[in-house]
Every structure is written in structure tokens, then in C-alpha cells.
Amino acid sequence: MIQGSIVALVTPMAADGAVDWRALDALVDWHIDEGTDALVAVGTTGESATLEVDEHIEVIRRVVQRAAGRVPVIAGTGANSTAEAIELTRLGQQAGADAALLVTPYYNKPPQEGLYRHYLAIAEAVPLPIILYNVPGRTGVDLLPETVQRLAPVDNIVGLKEARGDLDRVRALLALGLPADFALYSGDDATARESILLGFHGDISVTANVAPRLMHAMCAAARAGDVAAAEAADAKLALLHQDLFLEPNPIPVKWALHHMGRVPPGLRLPMVPMSANLQPRIIAALRAAEVIA
């Protein structure tokens, strides 16, 4: 089971939107050196919505190659078409990913039975370990606990990223009596500490992009039940948890990484650069986390 601080990795891009492969390699090395426990390539934070399929799979392949077995790599392969999600997951497996993260179908808003059949079809078509991903604030659909409970016994459905940011949902999932080897991950940095202390296994994190060492320490302390140490680490991260969402992800986190000198400034439309009046708040959050002087 993959546990701990799992970064939802940005995809570095030049000012013209071209993927910066050298910066991507450097990010992978930095995360591993800083203690990040696993990498998600081409999730929402990795701008999956605007990468071409060939680019999407090449980013996964490049992250796998650079990680070289040092940490697991999870491929973002979700789509709102089941057939497309199957194909992306198959290609992610061929690229060497250890698991796939599949967001619920977005915009078309399937009912719970549609969600169940969607994930079951993918799991039956591709033997790669699959992590469900619920983020209703982006997708317009909520994967309910009872549907997770129906899917959890499927052999290669191995976990859930829950990004509602709702501790009542966290408690409801923990009360289901899911299989012992079924992993539960927070997808909301602001409630990740509490979720892990309650029994979740880790955090698939935006904040970890800019503060990987401290996020690893916070997750490790929470997993060990060290409430004081987890709270102390999380207190330094609190502004980042909040302010990295002042504008839609990944606009703020990519601006922060550019300010830190780790990536070029590129985003792809319809994402646009960070508003200048909000940039000082990001700088203050980075300083609070002791990421910059």
C-alpha cells in the first residue's frame, strides 16, 4: 500500500506552454530527496485537461524513468468517457506506472450506478491498481460512500482519494469497514492532518509541490499518531493550504514554484498567470512554511 505524502505533481511548462522536460526531471529528483513518498503524474495539478494524449503519456513515462523505482508513480488517467479512461489507463500501465488515479467522470454527471459501472469496466479492462478520485467541487458529481463500498472488493481497485474537504465524509468512509488493504487518501490539504489522524493512509497533495519535506514530516507524524508533531508541522503549512487555492489550481502553485526558481512560468490556456495583487500572499505563505527566507 502506498502511504504518506504523495505529491500531485505540476507539469513544468515554458512560457509558450511547451513541456519543460529538464525541469520535470529536476522536480522528480528534488521530491525524492526531500522525502516525498510517491508521485502523481498528470493529475489535475499536472494540467491533464490541456495535455495532448501523447504528451500525457510521455509525462508519465518520463516521471517513471526519472523516479527509477525510488518511489511509486501514480498516473492520472481519468476521463469522462469510460472508453477513453480505459485507453489512458492501459497506456499509463505501458508507461510503467505503479497505479492509476481516476477522477470521477466530469460534466456529464453520471448517477451512482453509472459511476460504479464506469470504474468496474476500467478495472476489468486493465489490471493496473486503480485509485478512485472524488472531487465534486471540480466534477459536479459526488462518489458516495456506498458506491465506494461496492467497488472496494474489486481486486485491483485499491484506494480512494477523497477531496471533499469534509471530515464528516472522512468519518463515514472509515465507518464502512472497507478491506484492510484499501487505502484512503485525503485530497484536501487543509483537512489532511485530521483525516490521517482519524485513520486515512496519506495525502495526495498540492501543498507538497512547494513544501515536500514539511508535508512528508506532517504526514509521517500523523500516521504515527504523534498529534503534537503533526499539529506543529501543519501550523507552518496552514497558509499554503489556504492560499494555494486563491485562484484555480494549478495557477498559484505554479507561480509559487516559479518564484522559488524551480519551474518556468508557463501555463496553458484557459489557465492564466497569477494575479499580481495576490502574489504577496503566496510569498507570505512560503515564508511561513520556511520554504523561502
C-alpha atoms as a PDB file:
ATOM      1  CA  MET A   1       0.000   0.000   0.000  1.00  0.00           C
ATOM      2  CA  ILE A   2       1.254   3.479  -0.929  1.00  0.00           C
ATOM      3  CA  GLN A   3       1.129   5.763   2.121  1.00  0.00           C
ATOM      4  CA  GLY A   4       2.301   9.169   3.286  1.00  0.00           C
ATOM      5  CA  SER A   5       2.832  12.420   1.387  1.00  0.00           C
ATOM      6  CA  ILE A   6       2.025  11.928  -2.283  1.00  0.00           C
ATOM      7  CA  VAL A   7       2.593  14.965  -4.468  1.00  0.00           C
ATOM      8  CA  ALA A   8       0.115  15.879  -7.198  1.00  0.00           C
ATOM      9  CA  LEU A   9       2.995  16.951  -9.394  1.00  0.00           C
ATOM     10  CA  VAL A  10       2.809  20.029 -11.631  1.00  0.00           C
ATOM     11  CA  THR A  11       3.836  19.700 -15.250  1.00  0.00           C
ATOM     12  CA  PRO A  12       6.539  22.353 -15.821  1.00  0.00           C
ATOM     13  CA  MET A  13       5.992  24.390 -18.974  1.00  0.00           C
ATOM     14  CA  ALA A  14       7.869  27.114 -20.796  1.00  0.00           C
ATOM     15  CA  ALA A  15       6.207  30.474 -21.378  1.00  0.00           C
ATOM     16  CA  ASP A  16       4.829  29.166 -24.694  1.00  0.00           C
ATOM     17  CA  GLY A  17       3.229  26.149 -22.990  1.00  0.00           C
ATOM     18  CA  ALA A  18       5.756  23.547 -24.148  1.00  0.00           C
ATOM     19  CA  VAL A  19       6.552  20.902 -21.533  1.00  0.00           C
ATOM     20  CA  ASP A  20       9.930  21.568 -19.917  1.00  0.00           C
ATOM     21  CA  TRP A  21      11.380  18.073 -19.603  1.00  0.00           C
ATOM     22  CA  ARG A  22      14.552  19.153 -17.832  1.00  0.00           C
ATOM     23  CA  ALA A  23      12.553  20.967 -15.145  1.00  0.00           C
ATOM     24  CA  LEU A  24      10.328  17.904 -14.766  1.00  0.00           C
ATOM     25  CA  ASP A  25      13.367  15.679 -14.180  1.00  0.00           C
ATOM     26  CA  ALA A  26      14.680  18.131 -11.588  1.00  0.00           C
ATOM     27  CA  LEU A  27      11.341  18.218  -9.769  1.00  0.00           C
ATOM     28  CA  VAL A  28      11.258  14.428  -9.518  1.00  0.00           C
ATOM     29  CA  ASP A  29      14.777  14.329  -8.077  1.00  0.00           C
ATOM     30  CA  TRP A  30      14.003  17.142  -5.623  1.00  0.00           C
ATOM     31  CA  HIS A  31      10.859  15.449  -4.348  1.00  0.00           C
ATOM     32  CA  ILE A  32      12.641  12.173  -3.765  1.00  0.00           C
ATOM     33  CA  ASP A  33      15.499  13.945  -1.992  1.00  0.00           C
ATOM     34  CA  GLU A  34      13.001  15.842   0.197  1.00  0.00           C
ATOM     35  CA  GLY A  35      11.171  12.686   1.307  1.00  0.00           C
ATOM     36  CA  THR A  36       8.030  12.693  -0.829  1.00  0.00           C
ATOM     37  CA  ASP A  37       6.604   9.178  -0.606  1.00  0.00           C
ATOM     38  CA  ALA A  38       5.058   8.887  -4.095  1.00  0.00           C
ATOM     39  CA  LEU A  39       4.409  10.967  -7.219  1.00  0.00           C
ATOM     40  CA  VAL A  40       1.196  11.544  -9.155  1.00  0.00           C
ATOM     41  CA  ALA A  41       1.952  12.381 -12.791  1.00  0.00           C
ATOM     42  CA  VAL A  42      -0.651  14.277 -14.829  1.00  0.00           C
ATOM     43  CA  GLY A  43      -3.430  14.692 -12.326  1.00  0.00           C
ATOM     44  CA  THR A  44      -5.495  17.873 -12.166  1.00  0.00           C
ATOM     45  CA  THR A  45      -2.480  19.804 -10.844  1.00  0.00           C
ATOM     46  CA  GLY A  46      -0.454  18.436 -13.756  1.00  0.00           C
ATOM     47  CA  GLU A  47      -2.846  20.108 -16.228  1.00  0.00           C
ATOM     48  CA  SER A  48      -4.203  16.849 -17.578  1.00  0.00           C
ATOM     49  CA  ALA A  49      -7.105  18.703 -19.171  1.00  0.00           C
ATOM     50  CA  THR A  50      -4.883  20.515 -21.674  1.00  0.00           C
ATOM     51  CA  LEU A  51      -2.176  17.960 -22.458  1.00  0.00           C
ATOM     52  CA  GLU A  52      -2.470  16.036 -25.700  1.00  0.00           C
ATOM     53  CA  VAL A  53      -2.672  12.262 -25.240  1.00  0.00           C
ATOM     54  CA  ASP A  54       0.884  11.732 -26.495  1.00  0.00           C
ATOM     55  CA  GLU A  55       2.184  14.397 -24.094  1.00  0.00           C
ATOM     56  CA  HIS A  56       0.109  12.997 -21.249  1.00  0.00           C
ATOM     57  CA  ILE A  57       1.650   9.544 -21.613  1.00  0.00           C
ATOM     58  CA  GLU A  58       5.140  10.915 -22.217  1.00  0.00           C
ATOM     59  CA  VAL A  59       4.991  12.875 -18.945  1.00  0.00           C
ATOM     60  CA  ILE A  60       4.033   9.671 -17.130  1.00  0.00           C
ATOM     61  CA  ARG A  61       6.822   7.760 -18.853  1.00  0.00           C
ATOM     62  CA  ARG A  62       9.388  10.462 -18.068  1.00  0.00           C
ATOM     63  CA  VAL A  63       8.397  10.577 -14.376  1.00  0.00           C
ATOM     64  CA  VAL A  64       8.592   6.782 -14.151  1.00  0.00           C
ATOM     65  CA  GLN A  65      12.013   6.746 -15.798  1.00  0.00           C
ATOM     66  CA  ARG A  66      13.378   9.530 -13.612  1.00  0.00           C
ATOM     67  CA  ALA A  67      11.975   8.038 -10.406  1.00  0.00           C
ATOM     68  CA  ALA A  68      13.672   4.769 -11.404  1.00  0.00           C
ATOM     69  CA  GLY A  69      11.905   2.747  -8.730  1.00  0.00           C
ATOM     70  CA  ARG A  70      12.923   5.062  -5.884  1.00  0.00           C
ATOM     71  CA  VAL A  71       9.278   5.923  -5.134  1.00  0.00           C
ATOM     72  CA  PRO A  72       5.993   4.731  -6.664  1.00  0.00           C
ATOM     73  CA  VAL A  73       4.489   6.663  -9.562  1.00  0.00           C
ATOM     74  CA  ILE A  74       0.721   7.009  -9.899  1.00  0.00           C
ATOM     75  CA  ALA A  75      -0.605   8.000 -13.326  1.00  0.00           C
ATOM     76  CA  GLY A  76      -3.580  10.308 -13.665  1.00  0.00           C
ATOM     77  CA  THR A  77      -5.735   8.564 -16.271  1.00  0.00           C
ATOM     78  CA  GLY A  78      -9.287   9.702 -15.591  1.00  0.00           C
ATOM     79  CA  ALA A  79     -11.741  10.863 -18.257  1.00  0.00           C
ATOM     80  CA  ASN A  80     -15.468  11.454 -18.564  1.00  0.00           C
ATOM     81  CA  SER A  81     -15.637   8.822 -21.293  1.00  0.00           C
ATOM     82  CA  THR A  82     -15.229   5.291 -19.968  1.00  0.00           C
ATOM     83  CA  ALA A  83     -13.626   4.127 -23.210  1.00  0.00           C
ATOM     84  CA  GLU A  84     -11.098   6.991 -23.061  1.00  0.00           C
ATOM     85  CA  ALA A  85     -10.338   6.286 -19.403  1.00  0.00           C
ATOM     86  CA  ILE A  86      -9.683   2.637 -20.244  1.00  0.00           C
ATOM     87  CA  GLU A  87      -7.303   3.600 -23.037  1.00  0.00           C
ATOM     88  CA  LEU A  88      -5.430   6.165 -20.904  1.00  0.00           C
ATOM     89  CA  THR A  89      -5.113   3.650 -18.074  1.00  0.00           C
ATOM     90  CA  ARG A  90      -3.800   0.999 -20.444  1.00  0.00           C
ATOM     91  CA  LEU A  91      -1.254   3.468 -21.809  1.00  0.00           C
ATOM     92  CA  GLY A  92      -0.299   4.515 -18.274  1.00  0.00           C
ATOM     93  CA  GLN A  93       0.375   0.890 -17.416  1.00  0.00           C
ATOM     94  CA  GLN A  94       2.515   0.509 -20.534  1.00  0.00           C
ATOM     95  CA  ALA A  95       4.452   3.631 -19.492  1.00  0.00           C
ATOM     96  CA  GLY A  96       5.402   1.859 -16.275  1.00  0.00           C
ATOM     97  CA  ALA A  97       3.116   3.461 -13.680  1.00  0.00           C
ATOM     98  CA  ASP A  98       2.625   1.584 -10.420  1.00  0.00           C
ATOM     99  CA  ALA A  99      -1.047   2.613 -10.141  1.00  0.00           C
ATOM    100  CA  ALA A 100      -3.635   4.863 -11.781  1.00  0.00           C
ATOM    101  CA  LEU A 101      -5.671   7.700 -10.275  1.00  0.00           C
ATOM    102  CA  LEU A 102      -9.042   8.095 -11.959  1.00  0.00           C
ATOM    103  CA  VAL A 103     -11.220  11.117 -11.302  1.00  0.00           C
ATOM    104  CA  THR A 104     -14.965  10.646 -11.465  1.00  0.00           C
ATOM    105  CA  PRO A 105     -16.426  11.478 -14.885  1.00  0.00           C
ATOM    106  CA  TYR A 106     -16.935  15.242 -15.034  1.00  0.00           C
ATOM    107  CA  TYR A 107     -19.598  17.422 -16.650  1.00  0.00           C
ATOM    108  CA  ASN A 108     -21.841  14.558 -17.773  1.00  0.00           C
ATOM    109  CA  LYS A 109     -22.705  13.891 -14.079  1.00  0.00           C
ATOM    110  CA  PRO A 110     -23.459  10.153 -14.063  1.00  0.00           C
ATOM    111  CA  PRO A 111     -25.620   8.667 -11.304  1.00  0.00           C
ATOM    112  CA  GLN A 112     -24.105   6.339  -8.707  1.00  0.00           C
ATOM    113  CA  GLU A 113     -24.854   3.251 -10.805  1.00  0.00           C
ATOM    114  CA  GLY A 114     -23.038   4.890 -13.726  1.00  0.00           C
ATOM    115  CA  LEU A 115     -20.037   5.625 -11.523  1.00  0.00           C
ATOM    116  CA  TYR A 116     -19.991   2.038 -10.306  1.00  0.00           C
ATOM    117  CA  ARG A 117     -20.128   0.608 -13.828  1.00  0.00           C
ATOM    118  CA  HIS A 118     -17.533   3.124 -15.078  1.00  0.00           C
ATOM    119  CA  TYR A 119     -14.929   2.094 -12.525  1.00  0.00           C
ATOM    120  CA  LEU A 120     -15.786  -1.589 -12.770  1.00  0.00           C
ATOM    121  CA  ALA A 121     -15.328  -1.508 -16.560  1.00  0.00           C
ATOM    122  CA  ILE A 122     -11.887   0.104 -16.211  1.00  0.00           C
ATOM    123  CA  ALA A 123     -10.792  -2.347 -13.532  1.00  0.00           C
ATOM    124  CA  GLU A 124     -11.905  -5.306 -15.628  1.00  0.00           C
ATOM    125  CA  ALA A 125     -10.174  -3.972 -18.748  1.00  0.00           C
ATOM    126  CA  VAL A 126      -6.797  -3.022 -17.229  1.00  0.00           C
ATOM    127  CA  PRO A 127      -5.108  -4.971 -14.395  1.00  0.00           C
ATOM    128  CA  LEU A 128      -3.257  -1.914 -13.045  1.00  0.00           C
ATOM    129  CA  PRO A 129      -4.072  -0.959  -9.411  1.00  0.00           C
ATOM    130  CA  ILE A 130      -6.741   1.760  -9.508  1.00  0.00           C
ATOM    131  CA  ILE A 131      -7.334   4.604  -7.060  1.00  0.00           C
ATOM    132  CA  LEU A 132     -10.761   6.233  -7.209  1.00  0.00           C
ATOM    133  CA  TYR A 133     -10.797  10.035  -7.060  1.00  0.00           C
ATOM    134  CA  ASN A 134     -13.714  12.087  -5.752  1.00  0.00           C
ATOM    135  CA  VAL A 135     -13.551  15.879  -6.167  1.00  0.00           C
ATOM    136  CA  PRO A 136     -17.132  17.129  -6.584  1.00  0.00           C
ATOM    137  CA  GLY A 137     -16.091  20.783  -6.498  1.00  0.00           C
ATOM    138  CA  ARG A 138     -14.475  20.264  -9.911  1.00  0.00           C
ATOM    139  CA  THR A 139     -16.514  17.469 -11.449  1.00  0.00           C
ATOM    140  CA  GLY A 140     -20.079  18.213 -10.406  1.00  0.00           C
ATOM    141  CA  VAL A 141     -20.587  14.638  -9.180  1.00  0.00           C
ATOM    142  CA  ASP A 142     -20.064  13.073  -5.760  1.00  0.00           C
ATOM    143  CA  LEU A 143     -18.870   9.466  -5.390  1.00  0.00           C
ATOM    144  CA  LEU A 144     -20.879   8.396  -2.349  1.00  0.00           C
ATOM    145  CA  PRO A 145     -19.540   6.102   0.400  1.00  0.00           C
ATOM    146  CA  GLU A 146     -21.977   3.334  -0.500  1.00  0.00           C
ATOM    147  CA  THR A 147     -20.605   3.280  -4.059  1.00  0.00           C
ATOM    148  CA  VAL A 148     -17.042   3.173  -2.737  1.00  0.00           C
ATOM    149  CA  GLN A 149     -18.123   0.227  -0.588  1.00  0.00           C
ATOM    150  CA  ARG A 150     -19.454  -1.587  -3.675  1.00  0.00           C
ATOM    151  CA  LEU A 151     -16.196  -1.003  -5.566  1.00  0.00           C
ATOM    152  CA  ALA A 152     -13.688  -1.724  -2.785  1.00  0.00           C
ATOM    153  CA  PRO A 153     -13.884  -5.553  -3.078  1.00  0.00           C
ATOM    154  CA  VAL A 154     -12.772  -5.428  -6.739  1.00  0.00           C
ATOM    155  CA  ASP A 155      -9.256  -6.885  -6.735  1.00  0.00           C
ATOM    156  CA  ASN A 156      -7.432  -4.060  -8.460  1.00  0.00           C
ATOM    157  CA  ILE A 157      -9.423  -1.146  -7.026  1.00  0.00           C
ATOM    158  CA  VAL A 158      -7.034  -0.374  -4.202  1.00  0.00           C
ATOM    159  CA  GLY A 159      -7.916   3.042  -2.820  1.00  0.00           C
ATOM    160  CA  LEU A 160      -9.764   6.351  -2.873  1.00  0.00           C
ATOM    161  CA  LYS A 161      -8.640   9.971  -2.967  1.00  0.00           C
ATOM    162  CA  GLU A 162     -11.398  11.902  -1.184  1.00  0.00           C
ATOM    163  CA  ALA A 163     -11.216  15.636  -1.883  1.00  0.00           C
ATOM    164  CA  ARG A 164     -14.473  16.971  -0.462  1.00  0.00           C
ATOM    165  CA  GLY A 165     -12.624  18.566   2.450  1.00  0.00           C
ATOM    166  CA  ASP A 166     -15.362  17.299   4.757  1.00  0.00           C
ATOM    167  CA  LEU A 167     -14.412  15.447   7.951  1.00  0.00           C
ATOM    168  CA  ASP A 168     -17.923  14.024   8.227  1.00  0.00           C
ATOM    169  CA  ARG A 169     -17.271  12.287   4.892  1.00  0.00           C
ATOM    170  CA  VAL A 170     -13.910  11.070   6.216  1.00  0.00           C
ATOM    171  CA  ARG A 171     -15.635   9.529   9.242  1.00  0.00           C
ATOM    172  CA  ALA A 172     -18.345   7.990   7.046  1.00  0.00           C
ATOM    173  CA  LEU A 173     -15.732   6.302   4.861  1.00  0.00           C
ATOM    174  CA  LEU A 174     -13.816   4.987   7.860  1.00  0.00           C
ATOM    175  CA  ALA A 175     -17.042   3.575   9.296  1.00  0.00           C
ATOM    176  CA  LEU A 176     -17.705   1.446   6.197  1.00  0.00           C
ATOM    177  CA  GLY A 177     -15.453  -1.419   7.263  1.00  0.00           C
ATOM    178  CA  LEU A 178     -13.526  -1.349   3.990  1.00  0.00           C
ATOM    179  CA  PRO A 179     -10.906  -4.053   3.311  1.00  0.00           C
ATOM    180  CA  ALA A 180      -7.756  -3.609   5.394  1.00  0.00           C
ATOM    181  CA  ASP A 181      -5.636  -3.180   2.258  1.00  0.00           C
ATOM    182  CA  PHE A 182      -7.909  -0.488   0.761  1.00  0.00           C
ATOM    183  CA  ALA A 183      -6.097   2.868   1.038  1.00  0.00           C
ATOM    184  CA  LEU A 184      -7.850   6.109   1.884  1.00  0.00           C
ATOM    185  CA  TYR A 185      -6.125   9.345   0.886  1.00  0.00           C
ATOM    186  CA  SER A 186      -7.053  12.922   1.640  1.00  0.00           C
ATOM    187  CA  GLY A 187      -7.241  15.119  -1.417  1.00  0.00           C
ATOM    188  CA  ASP A 188      -7.699  18.277   0.648  1.00  0.00           C
ATOM    189  CA  ASP A 189      -4.545  19.641   2.263  1.00  0.00           C
ATOM    190  CA  ALA A 190      -6.417  21.756   4.805  1.00  0.00           C
ATOM    191  CA  THR A 191      -8.032  18.679   6.400  1.00  0.00           C
ATOM    192  CA  ALA A 192      -5.323  16.124   5.628  1.00  0.00           C
ATOM    193  CA  ARG A 193      -3.787  16.120   9.112  1.00  0.00           C
ATOM    194  CA  GLU A 194      -7.130  15.415  10.799  1.00  0.00           C
ATOM    195  CA  SER A 195      -8.011  12.813   8.170  1.00  0.00           C
ATOM    196  CA  ILE A 196      -4.775  10.882   8.706  1.00  0.00           C
ATOM    197  CA  LEU A 197      -5.081  11.078  12.487  1.00  0.00           C
ATOM    198  CA  LEU A 198      -8.581   9.615  12.116  1.00  0.00           C
ATOM    199  CA  GLY A 199      -7.266   6.712  10.027  1.00  0.00           C
ATOM    200  CA  PHE A 200      -6.540   7.783   6.453  1.00  0.00           C
ATOM    201  CA  HIS A 201      -3.282   6.493   4.951  1.00  0.00           C
ATOM    202  CA  GLY A 202      -1.895   9.647   3.355  1.00  0.00           C
ATOM    203  CA  ASP A 203      -2.486  12.847   1.422  1.00  0.00           C
ATOM    204  CA  ILE A 204      -2.382  13.399  -2.339  1.00  0.00           C
ATOM    205  CA  SER A 205      -1.219  16.949  -2.027  1.00  0.00           C
ATOM    206  CA  VAL A 206      -0.934  20.250  -3.860  1.00  0.00           C
ATOM    207  CA  THR A 207       0.999  21.839  -0.963  1.00  0.00           C
ATOM    208  CA  ALA A 208       3.672  19.138  -1.244  1.00  0.00           C
ATOM    209  CA  ASN A 209       4.723  20.694  -4.561  1.00  0.00           C
ATOM    210  CA  VAL A 210       6.346  23.601  -2.718  1.00  0.00           C
ATOM    211  CA  ALA A 211       6.948  22.187   0.794  1.00  0.00           C
ATOM    212  CA  PRO A 212       7.720  18.493   0.258  1.00  0.00           C
ATOM    213  CA  ARG A 213       9.911  17.936   3.314  1.00  0.00           C
ATOM    214  CA  LEU A 214       7.454  19.508   5.744  1.00  0.00           C
ATOM    215  CA  MET A 215       4.459  17.736   4.165  1.00  0.00           C
ATOM    216  CA  HIS A 216       6.290  14.428   4.499  1.00  0.00           C
ATOM    217  CA  ALA A 217       7.028  15.198   8.154  1.00  0.00           C
ATOM    218  CA  MET A 218       3.423  16.152   8.853  1.00  0.00           C
ATOM    219  CA  CYS A 219       2.024  13.026   7.209  1.00  0.00           C
ATOM    220  CA  ALA A 220       4.563  10.767   8.939  1.00  0.00           C
ATOM    221  CA  ALA A 221       3.764  12.262  12.340  1.00  0.00           C
ATOM    222  CA  ALA A 222       0.017  11.929  11.786  1.00  0.00           C
ATOM    223  CA  ARG A 223       0.373   8.325  10.620  1.00  0.00           C
ATOM    224  CA  ALA A 224       2.381   7.586  13.773  1.00  0.00           C
ATOM    225  CA  GLY A 225      -0.320   9.166  15.938  1.00  0.00           C
ATOM    226  CA  ASP A 226       2.017  11.953  17.104  1.00  0.00           C
ATOM    227  CA  VAL A 227      -0.618  14.654  17.404  1.00  0.00           C
ATOM    228  CA  ALA A 228       1.708  17.381  18.677  1.00  0.00           C
ATOM    229  CA  ALA A 229       4.297  16.924  15.940  1.00  0.00           C
ATOM    230  CA  ALA A 230       1.637  16.737  13.229  1.00  0.00           C
ATOM    231  CA  GLU A 231      -0.015  19.911  14.522  1.00  0.00           C
ATOM    232  CA  ALA A 232       3.306  21.766  14.710  1.00  0.00           C
ATOM    233  CA  ALA A 233       4.200  20.896  11.123  1.00  0.00           C
ATOM    234  CA  ASP A 234       0.708  21.646   9.847  1.00  0.00           C
ATOM    235  CA  ALA A 235       0.649  25.040  11.549  1.00  0.00           C
ATOM    236  CA  LYS A 236       3.550  26.136   9.348  1.00  0.00           C
ATOM    237  CA  LEU A 237       1.733  24.838   6.280  1.00  0.00           C
ATOM    238  CA  ALA A 238      -1.680  26.329   7.029  1.00  0.00           C
ATOM    239  CA  LEU A 239      -1.316  29.442   4.878  1.00  0.00           C
ATOM    240  CA  LEU A 240      -0.127  27.370   1.932  1.00  0.00           C
ATOM    241  CA  HIS A 241      -3.108  25.027   2.286  1.00  0.00           C
ATOM    242  CA  GLN A 242      -5.335  28.083   2.012  1.00  0.00           C
ATOM    243  CA  ASP A 243      -3.548  30.442  -0.347  1.00  0.00           C
ATOM    244  CA  LEU A 244      -2.527  27.905  -2.992  1.00  0.00           C
ATOM    245  CA  PHE A 245      -6.238  27.981  -3.857  1.00  0.00           C
ATOM    246  CA  LEU A 246      -6.684  31.765  -4.074  1.00  0.00           C
ATOM    247  CA  GLU A 247      -7.123  31.131  -7.795  1.00  0.00           C
ATOM    248  CA  PRO A 248      -7.933  27.838  -9.510  1.00  0.00           C
ATOM    249  CA  ASN A 249      -5.295  25.132  -9.123  1.00  0.00           C
ATOM    250  CA  PRO A 250      -2.596  24.963 -10.504  1.00  0.00           C
ATOM    251  CA  ILE A 251      -2.248  28.724 -11.102  1.00  0.00           C
ATOM    252  CA  PRO A 252      -0.987  29.614  -7.584  1.00  0.00           C
ATOM    253  CA  VAL A 253       1.228  26.568  -7.064  1.00  0.00           C
ATOM    254  CA  LYS A 254       2.955  27.016 -10.417  1.00  0.00           C
ATOM    255  CA  TRP A 255       3.522  30.701  -9.652  1.00  0.00           C
ATOM    256  CA  ALA A 256       4.984  29.700  -6.261  1.00  0.00           C
ATOM    257  CA  LEU A 257       7.330  27.175  -7.861  1.00  0.00           C
ATOM    258  CA  HIS A 258       8.405  29.738 -10.432  1.00  0.00           C
ATOM    259  CA  HIS A 259       9.084  32.251  -7.639  1.00  0.00           C
ATOM    260  CA  MET A 260      11.201  29.570  -5.961  1.00  0.00           C
ATOM    261  CA  GLY A 261      13.190  29.123  -9.193  1.00  0.00           C
ATOM    262  CA  ARG A 262      12.085  25.530  -9.772  1.00  0.00           C
ATOM    263  CA  VAL A 263       9.910  25.827 -12.892  1.00  0.00           C
ATOM    264  CA  PRO A 264       9.474  28.279 -15.760  1.00  0.00           C
ATOM    265  CA  PRO A 265       6.317  30.427 -15.772  1.00  0.00           C
ATOM    266  CA  GLY A 266       4.250  28.508 -18.318  1.00  0.00           C
ATOM    267  CA  LEU A 267       0.584  27.533 -18.107  1.00  0.00           C
ATOM    268  CA  ARG A 268      -1.793  26.527 -20.872  1.00  0.00           C
ATOM    269  CA  LEU A 269      -4.961  28.411 -21.681  1.00  0.00           C
ATOM    270  CA  PRO A 270      -7.569  28.672 -20.338  1.00  0.00           C
ATOM    271  CA  MET A 271      -5.320  28.961 -17.262  1.00  0.00           C
ATOM    272  CA  VAL A 272      -3.627  32.356 -16.981  1.00  0.00           C
ATOM    273  CA  PRO A 273      -0.830  33.776 -14.805  1.00  0.00           C
ATOM    274  CA  MET A 274      -1.388  34.543 -11.126  1.00  0.00           C
ATOM    275  CA  SER A 275      -2.969  37.935 -10.413  1.00  0.00           C
ATOM    276  CA  ALA A 276      -0.271  40.361  -9.318  1.00  0.00           C
ATOM    277  CA  ASN A 277      -2.253  41.610  -6.310  1.00  0.00           C
ATOM    278  CA  LEU A 278      -2.381  38.069  -4.852  1.00  0.00           C
ATOM    279  CA  GLN A 279       1.286  37.237  -5.297  1.00  0.00           C
ATOM    280  CA  PRO A 280       2.397  38.793  -1.957  1.00  0.00           C
ATOM    281  CA  ARG A 281       0.070  36.409  -0.119  1.00  0.00           C
ATOM    282  CA  ILE A 282       1.767  33.425  -1.756  1.00  0.00           C
ATOM    283  CA  ILE A 283       5.169  34.800  -0.777  1.00  0.00           C
ATOM    284  CA  ALA A 284       3.996  35.220   2.831  1.00  0.00           C
ATOM    285  CA  ALA A 285       2.705  31.633   2.868  1.00  0.00           C
ATOM    286  CA  LEU A 286       6.021  30.328   1.530  1.00  0.00           C
ATOM    287  CA  ARG A 287       7.847  32.233   4.252  1.00  0.00           C
ATOM    288  CA  ALA A 288       5.521  30.900   6.956  1.00  0.00           C
ATOM    289  CA  ALA A 289       6.366  27.376   5.814  1.00  0.00           C
ATOM    290  CA  GLU A 290      10.064  28.310   5.850  1.00  0.00           C
ATOM    291  CA  VAL A 291      10.335  27.367   2.180  1.00  0.00           C
ATOM    292  CA  ILE A 292      11.912  30.721   1.341  1.00  0.00           C
ATOM    293  CA  ALA A 293      13.750  33.210   3.540  1.00  0.00           C
END
